[in-house]
């Protein structure tokens, strides 16, 4: 039972170490590079998500969007391969989907004017 609690704790805590002090420019630039990898290998995607996690989020990101960012990073880093990542994405909870939509909304609002 203790092992299950430890494993669950690691899974839930995930990537809470993701920095919260990124500039909007750095956040948007790293995100743009990650989103350009639609035809990349899984290893390239994992490398890009590590860079994205290292950059982190701007301090003004709302908590739901931040949760979506952390969940995305955690899902990619914990996936065993591309199919596993797709499966984890298809089986997200409703709150995870809400967080991902909040992240998308934050990116649209913040990065369109910063990058474009």
PDB file of N, CA and C in Angstrom:
ATOM      1  N   UNK A   1       0.819  -1.194   0.000  1.00  0.00           N
ATOM      2  CA  UNK A   1       0.000   0.000   0.000  1.00  0.00           C
ATOM      3  C   UNK A   1       0.864   1.261   0.000  1.00  0.00           C
ATOM      4  N   UNK A   2       1.932   1.275   0.795  1.00  0.00           N
ATOM      5  CA  UNK A   2       2.816   2.431   0.856  1.00  0.00           C
ATOM      6  C   UNK A   2       3.436   2.698  -0.504  1.00  0.00           C
ATOM      7  N   UNK A   3       3.832   1.643  -1.212  1.00  0.00           N
ATOM      8  CA  UNK A   3       4.414   1.808  -2.542  1.00  0.00           C
ATOM      9  C   UNK A   3       3.422   2.480  -3.486  1.00  0.00           C
ATOM     10  N   UNK A   4       2.154   2.103  -3.420  1.00  0.00           N
ATOM     11  CA  UNK A   4       1.143   2.721  -4.277  1.00  0.00           C
ATOM     12  C   UNK A   4       0.988   4.196  -3.959  1.00  0.00           C
ATOM     13  N   UNK A   5       1.048   4.564  -2.693  1.00  0.00           N
ATOM     14  CA  UNK A   5       0.947   5.967  -2.296  1.00  0.00           C
ATOM     15  C   UNK A   5       2.144   6.751  -2.809  1.00  0.00           C
ATOM     16  N   UNK A   6       3.343   6.176  -2.708  1.00  0.00           N
ATOM     17  CA  UNK A   6       4.555   6.837  -3.201  1.00  0.00           C
ATOM     18  C   UNK A   6       4.475   7.013  -4.710  1.00  0.00           C
ATOM     19  N   UNK A   7       4.077   5.980  -5.430  1.00  0.00           N
ATOM     20  CA  UNK A   7       3.962   6.074  -6.884  1.00  0.00           C
ATOM     21  C   UNK A   7       2.918   7.112  -7.269  1.00  0.00           C
ATOM     22  N   UNK A   8       1.775   7.107  -6.599  1.00  0.00           N
ATOM     23  CA  UNK A   8       0.742   8.091  -6.882  1.00  0.00           C
ATOM     24  C   UNK A   8       1.253   9.497  -6.596  1.00  0.00           C
ATOM     25  N   UNK A   9       1.976   9.674  -5.499  1.00  0.00           N
ATOM     26  CA  UNK A   9       2.531  10.979  -5.154  1.00  0.00           C
ATOM     27  C   UNK A   9       3.495  11.486  -6.208  1.00  0.00           C
ATOM     28  N   UNK A  10       4.334  10.611  -6.732  1.00  0.00           N
ATOM     29  CA  UNK A  10       5.258  11.007  -7.789  1.00  0.00           C
ATOM     30  C   UNK A  10       4.495  11.385  -9.046  1.00  0.00           C
ATOM     31  N   UNK A  11       3.489  10.608  -9.407  1.00  0.00           N
ATOM     32  CA  UNK A  11       2.698  10.899 -10.597  1.00  0.00           C
ATOM     33  C   UNK A  11       1.934  12.197 -10.489  1.00  0.00           C
ATOM     34  N   UNK A  12       1.381  12.473  -9.318  1.00  0.00           N
ATOM     35  CA  UNK A  12       0.600  13.691  -9.138  1.00  0.00           C
ATOM     36  C   UNK A  12       1.502  14.913  -9.051  1.00  0.00           C
ATOM     37  N   UNK A  13       2.634  14.786  -8.370  1.00  0.00           N
ATOM     38  CA  UNK A  13       3.512  15.943  -8.216  1.00  0.00           C
ATOM     39  C   UNK A  13       4.177  16.289  -9.534  1.00  0.00           C
ATOM     40  N   UNK A  14       4.440  15.287 -10.354  1.00  0.00           N
ATOM     41  CA  UNK A  14       4.958  15.486 -11.702  1.00  0.00           C
ATOM     42  C   UNK A  14       6.038  16.526 -11.802  1.00  0.00           C
ATOM     43  N   UNK A  15       5.739  17.579 -12.525  1.00  0.00           N
ATOM     44  CA  UNK A  15       6.727  18.593 -12.880  1.00  0.00           C
ATOM     45  C   UNK A  15       6.492  19.887 -12.128  1.00  0.00           C
ATOM     46  N   UNK A  16       6.214  19.811 -10.856  1.00  0.00           N
ATOM     47  CA  UNK A  16       5.959  21.024 -10.098  1.00  0.00           C
ATOM     48  C   UNK A  16       7.201  21.911 -10.011  1.00  0.00           C
ATOM     49  N   UNK A  17       8.352  21.379 -10.393  1.00  0.00           N
ATOM     50  CA  UNK A  17       9.580  22.173 -10.377  1.00  0.00           C
ATOM     51  C   UNK A  17       9.711  23.087 -11.596  1.00  0.00           C
ATOM     52  N   UNK A  18       8.732  23.094 -12.464  1.00  0.00           N
ATOM     53  CA  UNK A  18       8.766  23.954 -13.646  1.00  0.00           C
ATOM     54  C   UNK A  18       8.822  25.413 -13.181  1.00  0.00           C
ATOM     55  N   UNK A  19       9.807  26.174 -13.655  1.00  0.00           N
ATOM     56  CA  UNK A  19       9.941  27.575 -13.216  1.00  0.00           C
ATOM     57  C   UNK A  19       8.691  28.411 -13.485  1.00  0.00           C
ATOM     58  N   UNK A  20       8.499  29.421 -12.656  1.00  0.00           N
ATOM     59  CA  UNK A  20       7.353  30.315 -12.767  1.00  0.00           C
ATOM     60  C   UNK A  20       7.795  31.743 -13.082  1.00  0.00           C
ATOM     61  N   UNK A  21       8.994  31.901 -13.617  1.00  0.00           N
ATOM     62  CA  UNK A  21       9.518  33.250 -13.826  1.00  0.00           C
ATOM     63  C   UNK A  21       9.992  33.515 -15.259  1.00  0.00           C
ATOM     64  N   UNK A  22       9.461  32.775 -16.208  1.00  0.00           N
ATOM     65  CA  UNK A  22       9.868  32.956 -17.606  1.00  0.00           C
ATOM     66  C   UNK A  22       9.358  34.293 -18.144  1.00  0.00           C
ATOM     67  N   UNK A  23      10.133  34.886 -19.018  1.00  0.00           N
ATOM     68  CA  UNK A  23       9.616  36.063 -19.717  1.00  0.00           C
ATOM     69  C   UNK A  23       8.578  35.586 -20.725  1.00  0.00           C
ATOM     70  N   UNK A  24       7.678  36.473 -21.103  1.00  0.00           N
ATOM     71  CA  UNK A  24       6.678  36.105 -22.110  1.00  0.00           C
ATOM     72  C   UNK A  24       7.371  35.723 -23.416  1.00  0.00           C
ATOM     73  N   UNK A  25       8.419  36.454 -23.775  1.00  0.00           N
ATOM     74  CA  UNK A  25       9.140  36.177 -25.020  1.00  0.00           C
ATOM     75  C   UNK A  25       9.754  34.772 -24.995  1.00  0.00           C
ATOM     76  N   UNK A  26      10.415  34.411 -23.893  1.00  0.00           N
ATOM     77  CA  UNK A  26      11.039  33.088 -23.795  1.00  0.00           C
ATOM     78  C   UNK A  26       9.981  31.987 -23.803  1.00  0.00           C
ATOM     79  N   UNK A  27       8.886  32.198 -23.073  1.00  0.00           N
ATOM     80  CA  UNK A  27       7.790  31.229 -23.017  1.00  0.00           C
ATOM     81  C   UNK A  27       7.210  31.006 -24.412  1.00  0.00           C
ATOM     82  N   UNK A  28       6.912  32.094 -25.097  1.00  0.00           N
ATOM     83  CA  UNK A  28       6.274  31.992 -26.415  1.00  0.00           C
ATOM     84  C   UNK A  28       7.231  31.399 -27.448  1.00  0.00           C
ATOM     85  N   UNK A  29       8.490  31.777 -27.388  1.00  0.00           N
ATOM     86  CA  UNK A  29       9.479  31.250 -28.329  1.00  0.00           C
ATOM     87  C   UNK A  29       9.661  29.746 -28.149  1.00  0.00           C
ATOM     88  N   UNK A  30       9.797  29.295 -26.899  1.00  0.00           N
ATOM     89  CA  UNK A  30       9.951  27.859 -26.636  1.00  0.00           C
ATOM     90  C   UNK A  30       8.686  27.103 -27.041  1.00  0.00           C
ATOM     91  N   UNK A  31       7.539  27.692 -26.779  1.00  0.00           N
ATOM     92  CA  UNK A  31       6.275  27.058 -27.166  1.00  0.00           C
ATOM     93  C   UNK A  31       6.123  26.945 -28.671  1.00  0.00           C
ATOM     94  N   UNK A  32       6.556  27.985 -29.388  1.00  0.00           N
ATOM     95  CA  UNK A  32       6.479  27.957 -30.849  1.00  0.00           C
ATOM     96  C   UNK A  32       7.372  26.851 -31.405  1.00  0.00           C
ATOM     97  N   UNK A  33       8.569  26.713 -30.850  1.00  0.00           N
ATOM     98  CA  UNK A  33       9.478  25.649 -31.312  1.00  0.00           C
ATOM     99  C   UNK A  33       8.879  24.273 -31.033  1.00  0.00           C
ATOM    100  N   UNK A  34       8.240  24.122 -29.881  1.00  0.00           N
ATOM    101  CA  UNK A  34       7.615  22.838 -29.549  1.00  0.00           C
ATOM    102  C   UNK A  34       6.466  22.536 -30.500  1.00  0.00           C
ATOM    103  N   UNK A  35       5.644  23.543 -30.795  1.00  0.00           N
ATOM    104  CA  UNK A  35       4.470  23.309 -31.645  1.00  0.00           C
ATOM    105  C   UNK A  35       4.848  23.041 -33.100  1.00  0.00           C
ATOM    106  N   UNK A  36       6.043  23.424 -33.513  1.00  0.00           N
ATOM    107  CA  UNK A  36       6.496  23.167 -34.880  1.00  0.00           C
ATOM    108  C   UNK A  36       6.904  21.714 -35.096  1.00  0.00           C
ATOM    109  N   UNK A  37       6.891  20.911 -34.052  1.00  0.00           N
ATOM    110  CA  UNK A  37       7.372  19.529 -34.145  1.00  0.00           C
ATOM    111  C   UNK A  37       6.280  18.531 -34.496  1.00  0.00           C
ATOM    112  N   UNK A  38       5.276  18.928 -35.245  1.00  0.00           N
ATOM    113  CA  UNK A  38       4.156  18.031 -35.513  1.00  0.00           C
ATOM    114  C   UNK A  38       4.553  16.763 -36.265  1.00  0.00           C
ATOM    115  N   UNK A  39       5.646  16.786 -36.987  1.00  0.00           N
ATOM    116  CA  UNK A  39       6.088  15.589 -37.694  1.00  0.00           C
ATOM    117  C   UNK A  39       7.401  15.053 -37.123  1.00  0.00           C
ATOM    118  N   UNK A  40       7.729  15.452 -35.921  1.00  0.00           N
ATOM    119  CA  UNK A  40       8.979  15.051 -35.278  1.00  0.00           C
ATOM    120  C   UNK A  40       8.872  13.642 -34.712  1.00  0.00           C
ATOM    121  N   UNK A  41      10.006  13.095 -34.382  1.00  0.00           N
ATOM    122  CA  UNK A  41      10.023  11.812 -33.695  1.00  0.00           C
ATOM    123  C   UNK A  41       9.656  12.041 -32.227  1.00  0.00           C
ATOM    124  N   UNK A  42       9.313  10.980 -31.563  1.00  0.00           N
ATOM    125  CA  UNK A  42       8.973  11.081 -30.141  1.00  0.00           C
ATOM    126  C   UNK A  42      10.175  11.616 -29.352  1.00  0.00           C
ATOM    127  N   UNK A  43      11.372  11.154 -29.680  1.00  0.00           N
ATOM    128  CA  UNK A  43      12.581  11.622 -28.984  1.00  0.00           C
ATOM    129  C   UNK A  43      12.770  13.128 -29.175  1.00  0.00           C
ATOM    130  N   UNK A  44      12.502  13.638 -30.371  1.00  0.00           N
ATOM    131  CA  UNK A  44      12.608  15.081 -30.607  1.00  0.00           C
ATOM    132  C   UNK A  44      11.559  15.831 -29.789  1.00  0.00           C
ATOM    133  N   UNK A  45      10.364  15.292 -29.705  1.00  0.00           N
ATOM    134  CA  UNK A  45       9.313  15.905 -28.911  1.00  0.00           C
ATOM    135  C   UNK A  45       9.660  15.916 -27.436  1.00  0.00           C
ATOM    136  N   UNK A  46      10.221  14.825 -26.961  1.00  0.00           N
ATOM    137  CA  UNK A  46      10.616  14.758 -25.548  1.00  0.00           C
ATOM    138  C   UNK A  46      11.733  15.761 -25.253  1.00  0.00           C
ATOM    139  N   UNK A  47      12.656  15.913 -26.170  1.00  0.00           N
ATOM    140  CA  UNK A  47      13.731  16.887 -26.000  1.00  0.00           C
ATOM    141  C   UNK A  47      13.169  18.311 -25.985  1.00  0.00           C
ATOM    142  N   UNK A  48      12.235  18.582 -26.885  1.00  0.00           N
ATOM    143  CA  UNK A  48      11.626  19.914 -26.960  1.00  0.00           C
ATOM    144  C   UNK A  48      10.798  20.219 -25.715  1.00  0.00           C
ATOM    145  N   UNK A  49      10.107  19.213 -25.179  1.00  0.00           N
ATOM    146  CA  UNK A  49       9.297  19.458 -23.983  1.00  0.00           C
ATOM    147  C   UNK A  49      10.195  19.703 -22.778  1.00  0.00           C
ATOM    148  N   UNK A  50      11.381  19.088 -22.760  1.00  0.00           N
ATOM    149  CA  UNK A  50      12.322  19.360 -21.671  1.00  0.00           C
ATOM    150  C   UNK A  50      12.769  20.816 -21.730  1.00  0.00           C
ATOM    151  N   UNK A  51      13.074  21.306 -22.937  1.00  0.00           N
ATOM    152  CA  UNK A  51      13.460  22.721 -23.079  1.00  0.00           C
ATOM    153  C   UNK A  51      12.308  23.632 -22.658  1.00  0.00           C
ATOM    154  N   UNK A  52      11.105  23.277 -23.038  1.00  0.00           N
ATOM    155  CA  UNK A  52       9.924  24.047 -22.667  1.00  0.00           C
ATOM    156  C   UNK A  52       9.755  24.069 -21.145  1.00  0.00           C
ATOM    157  N   UNK A  53       9.933  22.917 -20.520  1.00  0.00           N
ATOM    158  CA  UNK A  53       9.828  22.834 -19.057  1.00  0.00           C
ATOM    159  C   UNK A  53      10.926  23.645 -18.376  1.00  0.00           C
ATOM    160  N   UNK A  54      12.118  23.646 -18.952  1.00  0.00           N
ATOM    161  CA  UNK A  54      13.225  24.416 -18.383  1.00  0.00           C
ATOM    162  C   UNK A  54      12.952  25.919 -18.438  1.00  0.00           C
ATOM    163  N   UNK A  55      12.265  26.372 -19.483  1.00  0.00           N
ATOM    164  CA  UNK A  55      11.903  27.788 -19.605  1.00  0.00           C
ATOM    165  C   UNK A  55      10.823  28.116 -18.584  1.00  0.00           C
ATOM    166  N   UNK A  56       9.809  27.275 -18.489  1.00  0.00           N
ATOM    167  CA  UNK A  56       8.732  27.490 -17.533  1.00  0.00           C
ATOM    168  C   UNK A  56       7.667  28.427 -18.043  1.00  0.00           C
ATOM    169  N   UNK A  57       6.909  28.977 -17.116  1.00  0.00           N
ATOM    170  CA  UNK A  57       5.792  29.853 -17.451  1.00  0.00           C
ATOM    171  C   UNK A  57       6.035  31.254 -16.898  1.00  0.00           C
ATOM    172  N   UNK A  58       5.416  32.249 -17.510  1.00  0.00           N
ATOM    173  CA  UNK A  58       5.500  33.613 -16.965  1.00  0.00           C
ATOM    174  C   UNK A  58       4.805  33.686 -15.599  1.00  0.00           C
ATOM    175  N   UNK A  59       5.206  34.624 -14.776  1.00  0.00           N
ATOM    176  CA  UNK A  59       4.612  34.719 -13.439  1.00  0.00           C
ATOM    177  C   UNK A  59       3.135  35.096 -13.433  1.00  0.00           C
ATOM    178  N   UNK A  60       2.641  35.718 -14.499  1.00  0.00           N
ATOM    179  CA  UNK A  60       1.241  36.165 -14.512  1.00  0.00           C
ATOM    180  C   UNK A  60       0.269  35.136 -15.090  1.00  0.00           C
ATOM    181  N   UNK A  61       0.729  33.938 -15.420  1.00  0.00           N
ATOM    182  CA  UNK A  61      -0.159  32.915 -15.979  1.00  0.00           C
ATOM    183  C   UNK A  61      -1.165  32.491 -14.903  1.00  0.00           C
ATOM    184  N   UNK A  62      -2.437  32.323 -15.293  1.00  0.00           N
ATOM    185  CA  UNK A  62      -3.427  31.925 -14.292  1.00  0.00           C
ATOM    186  C   UNK A  62      -3.212  30.465 -13.906  1.00  0.00           C
ATOM    187  N   UNK A  63      -3.735  30.086 -12.762  1.00  0.00           N
ATOM    188  CA  UNK A  63      -3.453  28.764 -12.193  1.00  0.00           C
ATOM    189  C   UNK A  63      -3.957  27.617 -13.074  1.00  0.00           C
ATOM    190  N   UNK A  64      -5.071  27.795 -13.762  1.00  0.00           N
ATOM    191  CA  UNK A  64      -5.587  26.731 -14.615  1.00  0.00           C
ATOM    192  C   UNK A  64      -4.682  26.524 -15.837  1.00  0.00           C
ATOM    193  N   UNK A  65      -4.229  27.608 -16.449  1.00  0.00           N
ATOM    194  CA  UNK A  65      -3.317  27.505 -17.593  1.00  0.00           C
ATOM    195  C   UNK A  65      -1.979  26.918 -17.151  1.00  0.00           C
ATOM    196  N   UNK A  66      -1.501  27.326 -15.986  1.00  0.00           N
ATOM    197  CA  UNK A  66      -0.250  26.782 -15.439  1.00  0.00           C
ATOM    198  C   UNK A  66      -0.408  25.280 -15.224  1.00  0.00           C
ATOM    199  N   UNK A  67      -1.545  24.862 -14.671  1.00  0.00           N
ATOM    200  CA  UNK A  67      -1.794  23.436 -14.467  1.00  0.00           C
ATOM    201  C   UNK A  67      -1.781  22.692 -15.800  1.00  0.00           C
ATOM    202  N   UNK A  68      -2.362  23.285 -16.839  1.00  0.00           N
ATOM    203  CA  UNK A  68      -2.342  22.663 -18.164  1.00  0.00           C
ATOM    204  C   UNK A  68      -0.931  22.505 -18.699  1.00  0.00           C
ATOM    205  N   UNK A  69      -0.107  23.509 -18.481  1.00  0.00           N
ATOM    206  CA  UNK A  69       1.295  23.454 -18.910  1.00  0.00           C
ATOM    207  C   UNK A  69       2.029  22.326 -18.190  1.00  0.00           C
ATOM    208  N   UNK A  70       1.888  22.280 -16.874  1.00  0.00           N
ATOM    209  CA  UNK A  70       2.561  21.253 -16.073  1.00  0.00           C
ATOM    210  C   UNK A  70       2.057  19.867 -16.457  1.00  0.00           C
ATOM    211  N   UNK A  71       0.764  19.723 -16.672  1.00  0.00           N
ATOM    212  CA  UNK A  71       0.201  18.430 -17.063  1.00  0.00           C
ATOM    213  C   UNK A  71       0.711  17.992 -18.436  1.00  0.00           C
ATOM    214  N   UNK A  72       0.817  18.927 -19.369  1.00  0.00           N
ATOM    215  CA  UNK A  72       1.345  18.602 -20.695  1.00  0.00           C
ATOM    216  C   UNK A  72       2.783  18.122 -20.585  1.00  0.00           C
ATOM    217  N   UNK A  73       3.592  18.857 -19.843  1.00  0.00           N
ATOM    218  CA  UNK A  73       4.995  18.477 -19.656  1.00  0.00           C
ATOM    219  C   UNK A  73       5.074  17.102 -19.002  1.00  0.00           C
ATOM    220  N   UNK A  74       4.317  16.902 -17.948  1.00  0.00           N
ATOM    221  CA  UNK A  74       4.339  15.632 -17.231  1.00  0.00           C
ATOM    222  C   UNK A  74       3.887  14.481 -18.123  1.00  0.00           C
ATOM    223  N   UNK A  75       2.827  14.701 -18.899  1.00  0.00           N
ATOM    224  CA  UNK A  75       2.304  13.651 -19.788  1.00  0.00           C
ATOM    225  C   UNK A  75       3.359  13.257 -20.823  1.00  0.00           C
ATOM    226  N   UNK A  76       4.051  14.236 -21.388  1.00  0.00           N
ATOM    227  CA  UNK A  76       5.067  13.947 -22.401  1.00  0.00           C
ATOM    228  C   UNK A  76       6.281  13.259 -21.776  1.00  0.00           C
ATOM    229  N   UNK A  77       6.713  13.753 -20.619  1.00  0.00           N
ATOM    230  CA  UNK A  77       7.907  13.177 -20.001  1.00  0.00           C
ATOM    231  C   UNK A  77       7.664  11.786 -19.442  1.00  0.00           C
ATOM    232  N   UNK A  78       6.442  11.488 -19.036  1.00  0.00           N
ATOM    233  CA  UNK A  78       6.167  10.173 -18.461  1.00  0.00           C
ATOM    234  C   UNK A  78       5.713   9.144 -19.496  1.00  0.00           C
ATOM    235  N   UNK A  79       5.419   9.584 -20.707  1.00  0.00           N
ATOM    236  CA  UNK A  79       5.002   8.642 -21.755  1.00  0.00           C
ATOM    237  C   UNK A  79       6.190   7.783 -22.203  1.00  0.00           C
ATOM    238  N   UNK A  80       5.900   6.544 -22.517  1.00  0.00           N
ATOM    239  CA  UNK A  80       6.944   5.616 -22.950  1.00  0.00           C
ATOM    240  C   UNK A  80       7.269   5.754 -24.431  1.00  0.00           C
ATOM    241  N   UNK A  81       6.275   6.174 -25.203  1.00  0.00           N
ATOM    242  CA  UNK A  81       6.462   6.335 -26.649  1.00  0.00           C
ATOM    243  C   UNK A  81       5.305   7.190 -27.181  1.00  0.00           C
ATOM    244  N   UNK A  82       5.295   7.430 -28.474  1.00  0.00           N
ATOM    245  CA  UNK A  82       4.276   8.299 -29.068  1.00  0.00           C
ATOM    246  C   UNK A  82       2.861   7.747 -28.867  1.00  0.00           C
ATOM    247  N   UNK A  83       2.689   6.454 -29.016  1.00  0.00           N
ATOM    248  CA  UNK A  83       1.350   5.864 -28.831  1.00  0.00           C
ATOM    249  C   UNK A  83       0.896   6.023 -27.386  1.00  0.00           C
ATOM    250  N   UNK A  84       1.798   5.838 -26.446  1.00  0.00           N
ATOM    251  CA  UNK A  84       1.465   6.020 -25.037  1.00  0.00           C
ATOM    252  C   UNK A  84       1.067   7.473 -24.766  1.00  0.00           C
ATOM    253  N   UNK A  85       1.773   8.418 -25.368  1.00  0.00           N
ATOM    254  CA  UNK A  85       1.429   9.833 -25.207  1.00  0.00           C
ATOM    255  C   UNK A  85       0.030  10.104 -25.768  1.00  0.00           C
ATOM    256  N   UNK A  86      -0.256   9.584 -26.965  1.00  0.00           N
ATOM    257  CA  UNK A  86      -1.589   9.765 -27.560  1.00  0.00           C
ATOM    258  C   UNK A  86      -2.666   9.143 -26.668  1.00  0.00           C
ATOM    259  N   UNK A  87      -2.379   7.970 -26.125  1.00  0.00           N
ATOM    260  CA  UNK A  87      -3.343   7.314 -25.228  1.00  0.00           C
ATOM    261  C   UNK A  87      -3.582   8.173 -23.988  1.00  0.00           C
ATOM    262  N   UNK A  88      -2.520   8.686 -23.392  1.00  0.00           N
ATOM    263  CA  UNK A  88      -2.650   9.528 -22.205  1.00  0.00           C
ATOM    264  C   UNK A  88      -3.440  10.802 -22.527  1.00  0.00           C
ATOM    265  N   UNK A  89      -3.272  11.313 -23.732  1.00  0.00           N
ATOM    266  CA  UNK A  89      -3.998  12.508 -24.142  1.00  0.00           C
ATOM    267  C   UNK A  89      -5.478  12.193 -24.343  1.00  0.00           C
ATOM    268  N   UNK A  90      -5.773  11.044 -24.958  1.00  0.00           N
ATOM    269  CA  UNK A  90      -7.174  10.652 -25.176  1.00  0.00           C
ATOM    270  C   UNK A  90      -7.907  10.366 -23.873  1.00  0.00           C
ATOM    271  N   UNK A  91      -7.190   9.968 -22.844  1.00  0.00           N
ATOM    272  CA  UNK A  91      -7.833   9.567 -21.592  1.00  0.00           C
ATOM    273  C   UNK A  91      -7.692  10.627 -20.486  1.00  0.00           C
ATOM    274  N   UNK A  92      -7.485  11.877 -20.880  1.00  0.00           N
ATOM    275  CA  UNK A  92      -7.393  12.943 -19.883  1.00  0.00           C
ATOM    276  C   UNK A  92      -8.730  13.118 -19.177  1.00  0.00           C
ATOM    277  N   UNK A  93      -8.652  13.555 -17.935  1.00  0.00           N
ATOM    278  CA  UNK A  93      -9.876  13.844 -17.177  1.00  0.00           C
ATOM    279  C   UNK A  93     -10.475  15.166 -17.668  1.00  0.00           C
ATOM    280  N   UNK A  94     -11.689  15.441 -17.255  1.00  0.00           N
ATOM    281  CA  UNK A  94     -12.335  16.690 -17.668  1.00  0.00           C
ATOM    282  C   UNK A  94     -11.595  17.897 -17.097  1.00  0.00           C
ATOM    283  N   UNK A  95     -11.049  17.792 -15.903  1.00  0.00           N
ATOM    284  CA  UNK A  95     -10.290  18.924 -15.352  1.00  0.00           C
ATOM    285  C   UNK A  95      -8.982  19.127 -16.116  1.00  0.00           C
ATOM    286  N   UNK A  96      -8.345  18.046 -16.543  1.00  0.00           N
ATOM    287  CA  UNK A  96      -7.135  18.181 -17.353  1.00  0.00           C
ATOM    288  C   UNK A  96      -7.445  18.845 -18.691  1.00  0.00           C
ATOM    289  N   UNK A  97      -8.563  18.475 -19.291  1.00  0.00           N
ATOM    290  CA  UNK A  97      -8.974  19.109 -20.549  1.00  0.00           C
ATOM    291  C   UNK A  97      -9.241  20.602 -20.339  1.00  0.00           C
ATOM    292  N   UNK A  98      -9.889  20.932 -19.232  1.00  0.00           N
ATOM    293  CA  UNK A  98     -10.162  22.324 -18.895  1.00  0.00           C
ATOM    294  C   UNK A  98      -8.843  23.103 -18.756  1.00  0.00           C
ATOM    295  N   UNK A  99      -7.870  22.507 -18.095  1.00  0.00           N
ATOM    296  CA  UNK A  99      -6.564  23.152 -17.925  1.00  0.00           C
ATOM    297  C   UNK A  99      -5.859  23.344 -19.265  1.00  0.00           C
ATOM    298  N   UNK A 100      -5.945  22.337 -20.125  1.00  0.00           N
ATOM    299  CA  UNK A 100      -5.310  22.435 -21.441  1.00  0.00           C
ATOM    300  C   UNK A 100      -5.967  23.526 -22.284  1.00  0.00           C
ATOM    301  N   UNK A 101      -7.281  23.649 -22.197  1.00  0.00           N
ATOM    302  CA  UNK A 101      -7.981  24.722 -22.908  1.00  0.00           C
ATOM    303  C   UNK A 101      -7.588  26.089 -22.351  1.00  0.00           C
ATOM    304  N   UNK A 102      -7.410  26.173 -21.029  1.00  0.00           N
ATOM    305  CA  UNK A 102      -6.969  27.431 -20.416  1.00  0.00           C
ATOM    306  C   UNK A 102      -5.561  27.784 -20.884  1.00  0.00           C
ATOM    307  N   UNK A 103      -4.705  26.776 -21.007  1.00  0.00           N
ATOM    308  CA  UNK A 103      -3.350  27.009 -21.510  1.00  0.00           C
ATOM    309  C   UNK A 103      -3.404  27.503 -22.949  1.00  0.00           C
ATOM    310  N   UNK A 104      -4.223  26.862 -23.772  1.00  0.00           N
ATOM    311  CA  UNK A 104      -4.357  27.273 -25.160  1.00  0.00           C
ATOM    312  C   UNK A 104      -4.850  28.720 -25.251  1.00  0.00           C
ATOM    313  N   UNK A 105      -5.817  29.062 -24.441  1.00  0.00           N
ATOM    314  CA  UNK A 105      -6.346  30.426 -24.427  1.00  0.00           C
ATOM    315  C   UNK A 105      -5.265  31.427 -23.999  1.00  0.00           C
ATOM    316  N   UNK A 106      -4.493  31.064 -22.982  1.00  0.00           N
ATOM    317  CA  UNK A 106      -3.409  31.935 -22.512  1.00  0.00           C
ATOM    318  C   UNK A 106      -2.368  32.132 -23.620  1.00  0.00           C
ATOM    319  N   UNK A 107      -2.019  31.050 -24.301  1.00  0.00           N
ATOM    320  CA  UNK A 107      -1.026  31.135 -25.390  1.00  0.00           C
ATOM    321  C   UNK A 107      -1.561  32.022 -26.508  1.00  0.00           C
ATOM    322  N   UNK A 108      -2.814  31.824 -26.884  1.00  0.00           N
ATOM    323  CA  UNK A 108      -3.406  32.641 -27.953  1.00  0.00           C
ATOM    324  C   UNK A 108      -3.372  34.128 -27.590  1.00  0.00           C
ATOM    325  N   UNK A 109      -3.732  34.431 -26.359  1.00  0.00           N
ATOM    326  CA  UNK A 109      -3.790  35.820 -25.910  1.00  0.00           C
ATOM    327  C   UNK A 109      -2.388  36.414 -25.749  1.00  0.00           C
ATOM    328  N   UNK A 110      -1.465  35.660 -25.214  1.00  0.00           N
ATOM    329  CA  UNK A 110      -0.144  36.167 -24.858  1.00  0.00           C
ATOM    330  C   UNK A 110       0.844  36.115 -26.022  1.00  0.00           C
ATOM    331  N   UNK A 111       0.846  35.023 -26.747  1.00  0.00           N
ATOM    332  CA  UNK A 111       1.910  34.805 -27.721  1.00  0.00           C
ATOM    333  C   UNK A 111       1.609  35.367 -29.103  1.00  0.00           C
ATOM    334  N   UNK A 112       0.366  35.581 -29.433  1.00  0.00           N
ATOM    335  CA  UNK A 112       0.058  36.151 -30.735  1.00  0.00           C
ATOM    336  C   UNK A 112       0.687  37.525 -30.876  1.00  0.00           C
ATOM    337  N   UNK A 113       0.588  38.333 -29.829  1.00  0.00           N
ATOM    338  CA  UNK A 113       1.162  39.680 -29.895  1.00  0.00           C
ATOM    339  C   UNK A 113       2.658  39.679 -29.617  1.00  0.00           C
ATOM    340  N   UNK A 114       3.161  38.683 -28.872  1.00  0.00           N
ATOM    341  CA  UNK A 114       4.575  38.628 -28.519  1.00  0.00           C
ATOM    342  C   UNK A 114       5.419  38.135 -29.684  1.00  0.00           C
ATOM    343  N   UNK A 115       4.983  37.082 -30.379  1.00  0.00           N
ATOM    344  CA  UNK A 115       5.748  36.487 -31.466  1.00  0.00           C
ATOM    345  C   UNK A 115       5.352  37.085 -32.811  1.00  0.00           C
ATOM    346  N   UNK A 116       4.051  37.121 -33.084  1.00  0.00           N
ATOM    347  CA  UNK A 116       3.550  37.517 -34.390  1.00  0.00           C
ATOM    348  C   UNK A 116       3.585  38.931 -34.616  1.00  0.00           C
TER     349      UNK A 116
END
